Amino acid sequence: MNEAELLDPPPLETPPAPVIKVRGEPLTELPQDLYIPPDALEVFLEAFEGPLDLLLYLIRRQNLDVLDIPMAALTKQYMAYVEAARATRLELAAEYLLMAAMLIDIKSRMLLPRREQAEEANEGDDPRAELVRRLLEYEQMKLAGQHLDAMPQAGRDFDTVSVFLPAAARHLPSIHPEELAAAWLAILSRAKNRTHHRIGRQELSIREHMSRILKRLTPGEFMEFKDLFPDASTVHELVVTFLAVLELTKETLLDVTQAEPFSPIYVKLHESATE
């Protein structure tokens, strides 16, 4: 390679752009013996969301005044779209055909003689008034929809990240029956020292005391064991309350726990009791 070629290298040859794709494979030139059956040719029409969308497209494409619609030209273009859709074997919804009938009716009323048209104007509004109102309302809704669609959307413009953190299981320290018995004896001894000798008969219900205990406890919070036994309680009431605590523990409605030996004993509602 000489010095001139180094200073001014020849341009790189770019491959020709494909003119067509057949089953995903690009072809740079059409085959010489290509035959296209007439039934294979299709006319692709723009898709619209409804007859009002089509009318608004025709009006905006020609910069027409929506408040003063030329019904003859608009009806002609609308019917041309309907006929083209039928020719391509597209099934039109009934609302398209209903709008076509409405346009023809408005057009015919606009073509009435001036004298009859003036009489109708005195009796009612412009035949186009209802169509204009619907078009303006549809345009407002369409612009609002476009504004909402332009806003960032999850799953389209960005992805949300969620982290699942399993609830940590809280293991309550176990308590020995001897320590629970010692706490109960201390409460019973305290009650005996304050109780006067009374002769009487009390009808106490364990179930009733169980309900009272459940109502006193707050879900998720601890209460000291001795606080379940009021100071003014009789020995019989203390016994029934203690039996109610044991029954609630047996039915897994109450948890009895202790942080360390010889420390205060606490009770707490079991998770099943809060559901």
Foldseek 3Di string as FASTA:
>chain_A
DDPVCVVPPDDDDDDADFPDADPNRGHRDDDPPDDDDPVNDADDDDDAPAQLRVLVVVCVVVVHDLVDDPLVVSLVVLVVVVVSCVVRVHDDDVRSVVVSVLSVVLVVLVPDDPVVNVVVVVVDPRSCVVVSVVSVVVVVVVVVVVVVVPDDDDPPNHHDDDDDDDDDDDDFADDDVVQVVVVLVVLLVLLVVVDDDDDDDDDDDLVVLLVVVLVVADAPDKDFPSVSDDSPDHSVVSVSNVVSVVVCVVVQQKDWHDPDPPGTIIMHGGPVNVD
